[in-house]
Amino acid sequence: WAKAVSAIKTARTIEKLADPSRDAQLEMARASALYNLGILAHYIGDASQPLHTTTHHHGWVGPNPQGFTTDRGIHSYIDGGVIRLHRITIEDVRPAIKPRTPDPVSPWNDVTSELERSHAQVEPLYTLKKSGDLDREPGRQFIIERLADGAATLASLYTAAWEASEIGPRDIEDFVKYDGSAENR
């Protein structure tokens, strides 16, 4: 998140300079911002998938009193197979997204809350698999809810990154002074 904020702030600063001689620099800054936002999206996507939060990520390991599956393929099935089975699209997920208010100063609580919500779904996920409901409507709804939760967290973090990357006159002065293009160098 901090890298995304930094990259966005750099792009916004160069945009504010409105100097055509910096067009290549601006293009690189925008690419860096997109890259870092993409990495953040990947991490939050992983965080919203319950099997990424547990030692039971490739089937249940260790004591298994509830008789959950030990099939190592469950992870890849949750990552994509069940989504294909249910033909889940963004149109299915969008109505389930519940917007959140981001913390533009420190989004760490947003991230840890996502991990906690996701981890709380490990046993319910295994229960759906065991009953066969993962392949029916209850499983479809479960996956939609996890995708919507991750999307809401990501939107919150993106909003917070944008707010945290606000630039002021001092930011522009410092950028010009230290990026190697100042006339007094």
Protein backbone atom coordinates (compact mmCIF):
# COMPACT_ATOMS: atom_id res chain seq x y z
CA TRP A 1 0.00 0.00 0.00
CA ALA A 2 2.80 2.43 0.86
CA LYS A 3 4.48 1.74 -2.48
CA ALA A 4 1.19 2.41 -4.26
CA VAL A 5 0.81 5.70 -2.36
CA SER A 6 4.36 6.73 -3.25
CA ALA A 7 3.94 5.84 -6.92
CA ILE A 8 0.59 7.66 -7.19
CA LYS A 9 2.05 10.69 -5.44
CA THR A 10 4.97 10.77 -7.89
CA ALA A 11 2.63 10.58 -10.88
CA ARG A 12 0.37 13.29 -9.47
CA THR A 13 3.37 15.51 -8.78
CA ILE A 14 4.70 15.17 -12.31
CA GLU A 15 1.21 15.78 -13.73
CA LYS A 16 0.99 18.96 -11.64
CA LEU A 17 4.30 20.17 -13.09
CA ALA A 18 2.70 20.03 -16.56
CA ASP A 19 6.14 20.02 -18.21
CA PRO A 20 6.14 18.37 -21.66
CA SER A 21 9.84 17.55 -21.25
CA ARG A 22 8.75 15.19 -18.46
CA ASP A 23 6.32 13.16 -20.59
CA ALA A 24 8.49 10.02 -20.51
CA GLN A 25 8.97 10.42 -16.75
CA LEU A 26 5.21 10.81 -16.32
CA GLU A 27 4.56 7.68 -18.37
CA MET A 28 6.96 5.70 -16.19
CA ALA A 29 5.41 7.11 -13.00
CA ARG A 30 1.92 6.12 -14.15
CA ALA A 31 3.14 2.64 -15.07
CA SER A 32 4.72 2.31 -11.63
CA ALA A 33 1.45 3.36 -9.98
CA LEU A 34 -0.51 0.81 -12.01
CA TYR A 35 2.01 -1.90 -11.23
CA ASN A 36 1.87 -1.25 -7.49
CA LEU A 37 -1.94 -1.07 -7.51
CA GLY A 38 -1.94 -4.40 -9.35
CA ILE A 39 0.32 -5.99 -6.75
CA LEU A 40 -1.96 -4.69 -4.01
CA ALA A 41 -4.97 -6.17 -5.85
CA HIS A 42 -3.23 -9.54 -6.00
CA TYR A 43 -2.46 -9.50 -2.28
CA ILE A 44 -5.99 -8.51 -1.30
CA GLY A 45 -7.42 -11.12 -3.65
CA ASP A 46 -5.26 -13.70 -1.92
CA ALA A 47 -6.29 -12.40 1.51
CA SER A 48 -9.99 -12.78 0.70
CA GLN A 49 -9.55 -16.46 -0.23
CA PRO A 50 -9.83 -18.35 3.08
CA LEU A 51 -7.35 -21.06 2.14
CA HIS A 52 -4.62 -18.43 1.93
CA THR A 53 -5.01 -17.78 5.66
CA THR A 54 -4.49 -21.28 7.04
CA THR A 55 -2.18 -24.27 7.23
CA HIS A 56 -5.09 -26.17 5.67
CA HIS A 57 -4.50 -24.41 2.33
CA HIS A 58 -4.12 -27.60 0.25
CA GLY A 59 -6.55 -29.88 2.06
CA TRP A 60 -7.01 -30.42 5.77
CA VAL A 61 -3.79 -31.39 7.54
CA GLY A 62 -3.28 -32.86 10.99
CA PRO A 63 -6.10 -33.93 13.27
CA ASN A 64 -9.34 -33.98 11.29
CA PRO A 65 -12.25 -34.81 13.62
CA GLN A 66 -14.82 -33.39 11.18
CA GLY A 67 -13.55 -35.44 8.27
CA PHE A 68 -12.81 -32.52 5.97
CA THR A 69 -11.25 -33.22 2.60
CA THR A 70 -7.50 -33.74 2.45
CA ASP A 71 -7.51 -33.33 -1.34
CA ARG A 72 -4.63 -31.02 -2.28
CA GLY A 73 -6.63 -29.82 -5.29
CA ILE A 74 -9.14 -27.92 -3.18
CA HIS A 75 -6.99 -24.79 -3.33
CA SER A 76 -6.91 -24.53 -7.11
CA TYR A 77 -10.60 -25.44 -7.21
CA ILE A 78 -11.45 -22.48 -4.96
CA ASP A 79 -9.11 -20.17 -6.88
CA GLY A 80 -10.85 -20.82 -10.18
CA GLY A 81 -12.70 -24.10 -10.68
CA VAL A 82 -15.68 -23.26 -8.50
CA ILE A 83 -15.90 -19.79 -10.08
CA ARG A 84 -16.05 -21.42 -13.53
CA LEU A 85 -18.53 -24.03 -12.32
CA HIS A 86 -20.93 -21.35 -11.06
CA ARG A 87 -20.11 -18.97 -13.94
CA ILE A 88 -19.59 -16.13 -11.47
CA THR A 89 -19.07 -12.74 -13.11
CA ILE A 90 -18.53 -9.21 -11.87
CA GLU A 91 -22.25 -8.63 -12.43
CA ASP A 92 -22.91 -11.32 -9.81
CA VAL A 93 -20.40 -9.86 -7.35
CA ARG A 94 -21.05 -6.12 -7.70
CA PRO A 95 -24.42 -6.04 -5.84
CA ALA A 96 -22.85 -7.87 -2.87
CA ILE A 97 -20.05 -5.31 -2.40
CA LYS A 98 -20.55 -3.26 0.75
CA PRO A 99 -18.50 -0.04 0.56
CA ARG A 100 -16.23 0.77 3.47
CA THR A 101 -14.71 3.99 4.74
CA PRO A 102 -10.95 3.76 4.33
CA ASP A 103 -8.31 5.00 6.72
CA PRO A 104 -5.99 7.13 4.55
CA VAL A 105 -3.42 7.46 7.32
CA SER A 106 -2.98 3.82 8.24
CA PRO A 107 -4.94 1.13 6.41
CA TRP A 108 -3.37 -1.71 8.40
CA ASN A 109 -6.64 -2.32 10.28
CA ASP A 110 -8.44 -2.68 6.94
CA VAL A 111 -5.98 -5.37 5.91
CA THR A 112 -5.99 -7.28 9.20
CA SER A 113 -9.79 -7.15 9.28
CA GLU A 114 -9.89 -8.68 5.79
CA LEU A 115 -7.56 -11.47 6.91
CA GLU A 116 -9.64 -12.13 10.03
CA ARG A 117 -12.92 -12.23 8.09
CA SER A 118 -11.38 -14.54 5.53
CA HIS A 119 -9.82 -16.86 8.11
CA ALA A 120 -13.17 -17.16 9.88
CA GLN A 121 -14.48 -18.76 6.67
CA VAL A 122 -11.99 -21.67 6.54
CA GLU A 123 -14.18 -24.18 8.37
CA PRO A 124 -17.42 -23.03 6.67
CA LEU A 125 -15.65 -23.53 3.32
CA TYR A 126 -14.55 -27.04 4.27
CA THR A 127 -18.07 -27.76 5.54
CA LEU A 128 -19.54 -26.69 2.18
CA LYS A 129 -17.07 -28.95 0.40
CA LYS A 130 -17.85 -31.91 2.65
CA SER A 131 -21.63 -31.57 2.21
CA GLY A 132 -21.40 -31.05 -1.55
CA ASP A 133 -22.99 -27.62 -1.20
CA LEU A 134 -19.87 -25.92 -2.53
CA ASP A 135 -20.99 -27.06 -5.98
CA ARG A 136 -24.56 -25.84 -5.43
CA GLU A 137 -26.18 -22.48 -4.69
CA PRO A 138 -24.84 -22.16 -1.10
CA GLY A 139 -21.30 -22.53 -2.47
CA ARG A 140 -21.98 -20.02 -5.21
CA GLN A 141 -23.19 -17.49 -2.62
CA PHE A 142 -20.20 -18.22 -0.38
CA ILE A 143 -17.74 -17.51 -3.21
CA ILE A 144 -19.61 -14.35 -4.27
CA GLU A 145 -19.48 -13.08 -0.67
CA ARG A 146 -15.72 -13.70 -0.44
CA LEU A 147 -15.11 -11.96 -3.78
CA ALA A 148 -17.31 -9.02 -2.75
CA ASP A 149 -15.52 -8.70 0.58
CA GLY A 150 -12.13 -8.63 -1.14
CA ALA A 151 -13.41 -6.10 -3.68
CA ALA A 152 -14.70 -3.82 -0.92
CA THR A 153 -11.36 -4.00 0.90
CA LEU A 154 -9.44 -3.29 -2.29
CA ALA A 155 -11.68 -0.33 -3.16
CA SER A 156 -11.17 1.00 0.36
CA LEU A 157 -7.39 0.69 0.05
CA TYR A 158 -7.38 2.31 -3.38
CA THR A 159 -9.42 5.21 -2.04
CA ALA A 160 -7.13 5.56 0.96
CA ALA A 161 -4.06 5.48 -1.31
CA TRP A 162 -5.50 8.25 -3.47
CA GLU A 163 -6.29 10.38 -0.41
CA ALA A 164 -2.87 9.74 1.13
CA SER A 165 -1.13 10.72 -2.12
CA GLU A 166 -2.51 14.26 -2.11
CA ILE A 167 0.23 16.70 -2.99
CA GLY A 168 0.95 20.18 -1.80
CA PRO A 169 3.32 22.94 -2.91
CA ARG A 170 6.13 21.64 -0.69
CA ASP A 171 5.86 18.19 -2.31
CA ILE A 172 6.36 19.72 -5.74
CA GLU A 173 9.29 21.85 -4.58
CA ASP A 174 10.99 18.85 -2.98
CA PHE A 175 10.40 16.68 -6.03
CA VAL A 176 11.97 19.20 -8.40
CA LYS A 177 14.85 19.78 -5.99
CA TYR A 178 15.73 16.12 -5.48
CA ASP A 179 14.84 14.39 -8.74
CA GLY A 180 18.02 15.59 -10.43
CA SER A 181 16.50 18.21 -12.68
CA ALA A 182 16.89 21.29 -10.47
CA GLU A 183 18.89 24.07 -12.06
CA ASN A 184 21.05 24.52 -8.96
CA ARG A 185 22.54 20.99 -9.22
